[in-house]
N, C-alpha and C. Protein backbone atom coordinates (compact mmCIF):
# COMPACT_ATOMS: atom_id res chain seq x y z
N MET A 1 0.85 -1.17 -0.01
CA MET A 1 0.00 0.00 0.01
C MET A 1 0.90 1.25 0.01
N THR A 2 0.64 2.13 -0.89
CA THR A 2 1.39 3.36 -0.96
C THR A 2 0.91 4.32 0.10
N SER A 3 1.72 5.29 0.40
CA SER A 3 1.34 6.27 1.45
C SER A 3 0.14 7.10 1.03
N ALA A 4 -0.08 7.29 -0.25
CA ALA A 4 -1.25 8.03 -0.72
C ALA A 4 -2.53 7.28 -0.44
N ASN A 5 -2.48 5.97 -0.37
CA ASN A 5 -3.68 5.15 -0.10
C ASN A 5 -3.80 4.74 1.35
N ALA A 6 -2.90 5.18 2.19
CA ALA A 6 -2.93 4.80 3.61
C ALA A 6 -4.18 5.35 4.29
N PRO A 7 -4.78 4.61 5.20
CA PRO A 7 -6.02 5.07 5.87
C PRO A 7 -5.80 6.28 6.79
N ILE A 8 -4.59 6.47 7.31
CA ILE A 8 -4.29 7.63 8.12
C ILE A 8 -2.94 8.19 7.69
N ALA A 9 -2.76 9.47 7.89
CA ALA A 9 -1.49 10.14 7.61
C ALA A 9 -0.89 10.52 8.94
N MET A 10 0.37 10.20 9.12
CA MET A 10 1.06 10.50 10.37
C MET A 10 2.20 11.48 10.09
N ARG A 11 2.40 12.37 11.08
CA ARG A 11 3.55 13.25 11.05
C ARG A 11 4.03 13.48 12.44
N GLU A 12 5.27 13.73 12.61
CA GLU A 12 5.84 13.99 13.94
C GLU A 12 5.56 15.45 14.30
N ALA A 13 4.86 15.62 15.40
CA ALA A 13 4.49 16.98 15.87
C ALA A 13 5.64 17.55 16.73
N LEU A 14 6.22 16.74 17.55
CA LEU A 14 7.32 17.17 18.40
C LEU A 14 8.02 15.98 18.97
N THR A 15 9.17 16.17 19.55
CA THR A 15 9.86 15.11 20.30
C THR A 15 9.92 15.58 21.75
N LEU A 16 9.60 14.71 22.65
CA LEU A 16 9.57 15.10 24.06
C LEU A 16 10.97 15.46 24.59
N PRO A 17 12.06 14.82 24.14
CA PRO A 17 13.38 15.26 24.62
C PRO A 17 13.71 16.73 24.21
N SER A 18 13.13 17.19 23.10
CA SER A 18 13.35 18.61 22.72
C SER A 18 12.71 19.58 23.69
N LEU A 19 11.79 19.11 24.55
CA LEU A 19 11.15 19.95 25.55
C LEU A 19 11.87 19.81 26.91
N GLY A 20 12.97 19.08 26.93
CA GLY A 20 13.74 18.96 28.18
C GLY A 20 13.32 17.74 29.02
N ILE A 21 12.54 16.84 28.41
CA ILE A 21 12.10 15.64 29.13
C ILE A 21 13.13 14.54 28.92
N ASN A 22 13.61 13.95 30.02
CA ASN A 22 14.61 12.92 29.96
C ASN A 22 14.03 11.70 29.25
N PRO A 23 14.74 11.13 28.26
CA PRO A 23 14.25 9.98 27.51
C PRO A 23 13.91 8.73 28.39
N GLN A 24 14.51 8.63 29.55
CA GLN A 24 14.21 7.48 30.42
C GLN A 24 12.77 7.53 30.94
N PHE A 25 12.09 8.70 30.89
CA PHE A 25 10.74 8.82 31.32
C PHE A 25 9.72 8.74 30.20
N ILE A 26 10.17 8.51 29.00
CA ILE A 26 9.29 8.35 27.88
C ILE A 26 8.95 6.88 27.73
N THR A 27 8.12 6.40 28.61
CA THR A 27 7.70 5.02 28.66
C THR A 27 6.20 4.93 28.91
N PHE A 28 5.65 3.78 28.72
CA PHE A 28 4.21 3.55 28.94
C PHE A 28 3.80 3.90 30.35
N THR A 29 4.65 3.65 31.31
CA THR A 29 4.27 3.91 32.72
C THR A 29 4.44 5.35 33.13
N HIS A 30 5.09 6.14 32.34
CA HIS A 30 5.31 7.56 32.69
C HIS A 30 4.57 8.57 31.88
N VAL A 31 4.07 8.17 30.69
CA VAL A 31 3.43 9.11 29.76
C VAL A 31 1.97 8.72 29.57
N THR A 32 1.09 9.73 29.67
CA THR A 32 -0.33 9.52 29.38
C THR A 32 -0.78 10.53 28.39
N MET A 33 -1.69 10.07 27.50
CA MET A 33 -2.21 10.99 26.46
C MET A 33 -3.70 10.61 26.31
N GLU A 34 -4.58 11.36 26.90
CA GLU A 34 -6.00 11.06 26.87
C GLU A 34 -6.61 11.47 25.53
N SER A 35 -6.04 12.47 24.86
CA SER A 35 -6.50 12.89 23.56
C SER A 35 -5.32 13.51 22.84
N ASP A 36 -5.58 14.15 21.71
CA ASP A 36 -4.49 14.83 20.97
C ASP A 36 -4.21 16.22 21.49
N LYS A 37 -4.83 16.62 22.63
CA LYS A 37 -4.66 17.97 23.17
C LYS A 37 -3.58 18.09 24.24
N TYR A 38 -3.40 17.05 25.05
CA TYR A 38 -2.44 17.12 26.17
C TYR A 38 -1.61 15.85 26.24
N ILE A 39 -0.39 16.01 26.64
CA ILE A 39 0.49 14.88 26.99
C ILE A 39 1.01 15.14 28.40
N CYS A 40 0.90 14.15 29.27
CA CYS A 40 1.39 14.26 30.63
C CYS A 40 2.55 13.29 30.82
N VAL A 41 3.63 13.80 31.39
CA VAL A 41 4.83 12.99 31.60
C VAL A 41 5.20 13.06 33.09
N ARG A 42 5.30 11.95 33.77
CA ARG A 42 5.75 11.92 35.16
C ARG A 42 7.28 11.71 35.17
N GLU A 43 7.92 12.64 35.84
CA GLU A 43 9.37 12.53 36.01
C GLU A 43 9.64 12.18 37.51
N THR A 44 10.45 11.18 37.75
CA THR A 44 10.66 10.75 39.13
C THR A 44 12.08 11.00 39.61
N SER A 45 12.91 11.60 38.78
CA SER A 45 14.25 11.85 39.19
C SER A 45 14.78 13.10 38.51
N PRO A 46 15.51 13.99 39.08
CA PRO A 46 16.05 13.98 40.42
C PRO A 46 14.95 14.29 41.48
N GLN A 47 13.83 14.88 41.08
CA GLN A 47 12.75 15.06 42.02
C GLN A 47 11.43 14.76 41.24
N ASN A 48 10.39 14.44 42.00
CA ASN A 48 9.11 14.08 41.37
C ASN A 48 8.48 15.36 40.79
N SER A 49 8.10 15.27 39.52
CA SER A 49 7.41 16.39 38.88
C SER A 49 6.51 15.84 37.76
N LEU A 50 5.60 16.70 37.35
CA LEU A 50 4.69 16.36 36.28
C LEU A 50 4.86 17.41 35.21
N VAL A 51 5.06 16.97 33.96
CA VAL A 51 5.17 17.90 32.83
C VAL A 51 3.90 17.71 32.00
N ILE A 52 3.21 18.84 31.77
CA ILE A 52 2.00 18.84 30.99
C ILE A 52 2.28 19.60 29.72
N VAL A 53 2.11 18.91 28.59
CA VAL A 53 2.37 19.55 27.29
C VAL A 53 1.03 19.83 26.63
N ASP A 54 0.68 21.08 26.50
CA ASP A 54 -0.51 21.47 25.78
C ASP A 54 -0.12 21.54 24.30
N MET A 55 -0.75 20.70 23.46
CA MET A 55 -0.36 20.59 22.09
C MET A 55 -0.69 21.83 21.26
N SER A 56 -1.50 22.73 21.79
CA SER A 56 -1.72 23.98 21.09
C SER A 56 -0.56 24.97 21.36
N MET A 57 0.22 24.70 22.42
CA MET A 57 1.43 25.50 22.76
C MET A 57 2.52 24.53 23.19
N PRO A 58 3.02 23.65 22.30
CA PRO A 58 3.92 22.58 22.75
C PRO A 58 5.29 23.07 23.22
N MET A 59 5.71 24.20 22.85
CA MET A 59 7.00 24.71 23.24
C MET A 59 7.00 25.37 24.62
N GLN A 60 5.81 25.40 25.29
CA GLN A 60 5.70 25.98 26.61
C GLN A 60 5.11 24.92 27.58
N PRO A 61 5.87 23.85 27.87
CA PRO A 61 5.35 22.83 28.77
C PRO A 61 5.23 23.36 30.18
N LEU A 62 4.22 22.88 30.91
CA LEU A 62 4.00 23.32 32.29
C LEU A 62 4.57 22.23 33.22
N ARG A 63 5.44 22.62 34.12
CA ARG A 63 6.07 21.69 35.08
C ARG A 63 5.55 22.02 36.47
N ARG A 64 5.11 20.99 37.15
CA ARG A 64 4.61 21.13 38.52
C ARG A 64 5.28 20.08 39.41
N PRO A 65 5.62 20.44 40.65
CA PRO A 65 6.19 19.45 41.57
C PRO A 65 5.12 18.56 42.15
N ILE A 66 4.68 17.57 41.41
CA ILE A 66 3.56 16.72 41.78
C ILE A 66 4.02 15.26 41.80
N THR A 67 3.63 14.51 42.80
CA THR A 67 3.87 13.10 42.89
C THR A 67 2.56 12.37 42.65
N ALA A 68 2.57 11.46 41.64
CA ALA A 68 1.37 10.67 41.35
C ALA A 68 1.80 9.44 40.59
N ASP A 69 0.90 8.44 40.63
CA ASP A 69 1.12 7.22 39.82
C ASP A 69 0.81 7.41 38.39
N SER A 70 -0.12 8.32 38.11
CA SER A 70 -0.56 8.57 36.73
C SER A 70 -1.28 9.92 36.75
N ALA A 71 -1.35 10.53 35.58
CA ALA A 71 -2.03 11.85 35.46
C ALA A 71 -2.79 11.89 34.14
N LEU A 72 -3.99 12.46 34.17
CA LEU A 72 -4.81 12.64 32.95
C LEU A 72 -5.34 14.06 32.91
N MET A 73 -5.21 14.69 31.75
CA MET A 73 -5.81 15.97 31.48
C MET A 73 -7.12 15.80 30.76
N ASN A 74 -8.14 16.55 31.17
CA ASN A 74 -9.43 16.54 30.46
C ASN A 74 -9.18 17.16 29.08
N PRO A 75 -9.69 16.56 28.01
CA PRO A 75 -9.48 17.15 26.66
C PRO A 75 -10.27 18.40 26.39
N ASN A 76 -11.32 18.68 27.19
CA ASN A 76 -12.15 19.87 26.89
C ASN A 76 -12.01 20.97 27.93
N ALA A 77 -11.31 20.73 29.04
CA ALA A 77 -11.16 21.75 30.06
C ALA A 77 -9.78 21.57 30.70
N ARG A 78 -9.32 22.61 31.35
CA ARG A 78 -7.99 22.53 31.97
C ARG A 78 -8.13 21.94 33.34
N ILE A 79 -8.51 20.64 33.34
CA ILE A 79 -8.70 19.90 34.56
C ILE A 79 -7.83 18.67 34.59
N LEU A 80 -7.12 18.46 35.67
CA LEU A 80 -6.13 17.40 35.81
C LEU A 80 -6.62 16.41 36.88
N ALA A 81 -6.57 15.13 36.58
CA ALA A 81 -6.88 14.10 37.55
C ALA A 81 -5.60 13.28 37.78
N LEU A 82 -5.35 12.99 39.05
CA LEU A 82 -4.14 12.27 39.42
C LEU A 82 -4.53 10.98 40.09
N LYS A 83 -3.91 9.87 39.58
CA LYS A 83 -4.11 8.59 40.28
C LYS A 83 -3.05 8.55 41.38
N GLY A 84 -3.51 8.32 42.59
CA GLY A 84 -2.60 8.47 43.72
C GLY A 84 -2.24 7.20 44.42
N PHE A 85 -2.03 7.35 45.69
CA PHE A 85 -1.46 6.34 46.56
C PHE A 85 -2.28 5.08 46.58
N PHE A 86 -1.76 3.98 46.09
CA PHE A 86 -2.38 2.63 46.15
C PHE A 86 -3.81 2.64 45.60
N PHE A 87 -4.09 3.41 44.55
CA PHE A 87 -5.42 3.47 43.94
C PHE A 87 -6.50 3.90 44.94
N LEU A 88 -6.12 4.71 45.91
CA LEU A 88 -7.07 5.13 46.94
C LEU A 88 -7.49 6.57 46.75
N TYR A 89 -6.54 7.48 46.43
CA TYR A 89 -6.88 8.90 46.32
C TYR A 89 -6.92 9.28 44.88
N LEU A 90 -7.91 10.06 44.49
CA LEU A 90 -8.07 10.58 43.15
C LEU A 90 -8.34 12.05 43.17
N PRO A 91 -7.30 12.87 43.39
CA PRO A 91 -7.51 14.31 43.43
C PRO A 91 -7.72 14.86 42.02
N VAL A 92 -8.58 15.89 41.90
CA VAL A 92 -8.86 16.53 40.63
C VAL A 92 -8.60 18.01 40.79
N TYR A 93 -7.78 18.54 39.92
CA TYR A 93 -7.34 19.96 39.98
C TYR A 93 -7.91 20.72 38.79
N ASP A 94 -8.22 21.96 39.00
CA ASP A 94 -8.69 22.88 37.96
C ASP A 94 -7.60 23.93 37.78
N PHE A 95 -7.00 23.96 36.56
CA PHE A 95 -5.96 24.93 36.26
C PHE A 95 -6.48 26.33 36.11
N THR A 96 -7.76 26.52 35.94
CA THR A 96 -8.29 27.87 35.79
C THR A 96 -8.42 28.61 37.14
N ILE A 97 -8.34 27.85 38.22
CA ILE A 97 -8.33 28.47 39.54
C ILE A 97 -6.93 28.93 39.82
N PRO A 98 -6.68 30.20 40.13
CA PRO A 98 -5.36 30.72 40.26
C PRO A 98 -4.45 29.97 41.28
N SER A 99 -5.03 29.45 42.33
CA SER A 99 -4.22 28.83 43.39
C SER A 99 -3.85 27.40 43.06
N PHE A 100 -4.33 26.86 41.95
CA PHE A 100 -4.07 25.46 41.54
C PHE A 100 -4.48 24.54 42.64
N SER A 101 -5.65 24.81 43.26
CA SER A 101 -6.14 23.94 44.31
C SER A 101 -7.07 22.89 43.77
N PHE A 102 -7.19 21.79 44.47
CA PHE A 102 -8.04 20.74 44.00
C PHE A 102 -9.51 21.11 44.15
N ILE A 103 -10.36 20.62 43.20
CA ILE A 103 -11.78 20.91 43.24
C ILE A 103 -12.54 19.82 43.95
N PHE A 104 -12.05 18.59 43.93
CA PHE A 104 -12.59 17.54 44.77
C PHE A 104 -11.62 16.35 44.82
N ILE A 105 -11.88 15.49 45.73
CA ILE A 105 -11.02 14.33 45.88
C ILE A 105 -11.93 13.11 46.15
N ILE A 106 -11.61 12.02 45.51
CA ILE A 106 -12.38 10.78 45.71
C ILE A 106 -11.49 9.88 46.53
N ILE A 107 -12.00 9.40 47.66
CA ILE A 107 -11.22 8.46 48.51
C ILE A 107 -11.93 7.13 48.44
N SER A 108 -11.44 6.28 47.54
CA SER A 108 -12.07 4.98 47.31
C SER A 108 -11.11 4.18 46.49
N PHE A 109 -11.14 2.88 46.61
CA PHE A 109 -10.30 2.03 45.77
C PHE A 109 -10.92 1.98 44.38
N TYR A 110 -10.08 2.05 43.34
CA TYR A 110 -10.56 2.03 41.97
C TYR A 110 -9.53 1.39 41.09
N HIS A 111 -9.99 0.93 39.90
CA HIS A 111 -9.08 0.26 38.95
C HIS A 111 -8.84 1.13 37.72
N PHE A 112 -9.84 1.90 37.33
CA PHE A 112 -9.79 2.65 36.07
C PHE A 112 -10.37 4.03 36.27
N TYR A 113 -9.78 4.99 35.60
CA TYR A 113 -10.41 6.31 35.65
C TYR A 113 -10.16 6.99 34.25
N SER A 114 -11.11 7.80 33.90
CA SER A 114 -10.96 8.56 32.65
C SER A 114 -11.90 9.75 32.70
N HIS A 115 -11.63 10.76 31.89
CA HIS A 115 -12.51 11.93 31.85
C HIS A 115 -13.70 11.62 30.95
N ILE A 116 -14.84 12.17 31.36
CA ILE A 116 -16.01 12.15 30.51
C ILE A 116 -15.87 13.33 29.55
N VAL A 117 -15.76 13.05 28.29
CA VAL A 117 -15.34 14.05 27.33
C VAL A 117 -16.21 15.28 27.29
N SER A 118 -17.52 15.14 27.37
CA SER A 118 -18.40 16.29 27.23
C SER A 118 -18.42 17.21 28.43
N PHE A 119 -18.01 16.69 29.58
CA PHE A 119 -18.08 17.49 30.79
C PHE A 119 -16.76 17.42 31.52
N PRO A 120 -16.47 18.42 32.34
CA PRO A 120 -15.19 18.34 33.10
C PRO A 120 -15.37 17.47 34.34
N LEU A 121 -15.81 16.28 34.13
CA LEU A 121 -16.01 15.33 35.23
C LEU A 121 -15.25 14.03 34.96
N LEU A 122 -15.23 13.17 35.92
CA LEU A 122 -14.51 11.90 35.79
C LEU A 122 -15.48 10.76 35.97
N ARG A 123 -15.10 9.65 35.41
CA ARG A 123 -15.79 8.42 35.73
C ARG A 123 -14.72 7.47 36.25
N TYR A 124 -15.04 6.71 37.19
CA TYR A 124 -14.10 5.76 37.73
C TYR A 124 -14.80 4.48 38.08
N ILE A 125 -14.10 3.40 37.97
CA ILE A 125 -14.66 2.11 38.30
C ILE A 125 -14.16 1.71 39.69
N PRO A 126 -15.01 1.68 40.67
CA PRO A 126 -14.56 1.37 42.04
C PRO A 126 -14.14 -0.08 42.17
N HIS A 127 -13.24 -0.29 43.06
CA HIS A 127 -12.80 -1.69 43.40
C HIS A 127 -13.87 -2.38 44.19
N LEU A 128 -14.33 -3.54 43.75
CA LEU A 128 -15.37 -4.23 44.48
C LEU A 128 -14.82 -5.44 45.19
């Protein structure tokens, strides 16, 4: 199949190392991408931090000193959900609030979480 007949066209938008992200953190366990709008990278060395790349402004990544097992950005709102300690804490932050304070926290065991695309809310599957 020639590239003209391919079902999708791919192009490289950016490389994460060009944004100052260490290549050792570009793995399945450190990078999350809920949509084509945001990329979240957890860096664990030399200190824990979260790098959020807004693909509309990829050369201005946002770095925060955050410790989490995983991070997801809502594709329609500037809302961040963090998978926390032993699948027990699920804090949700709103970047539009100047103090970067959490808007709510779920304290429950869960296995899966994702943003509901139409709303700045989350769905999670509790551990039964």
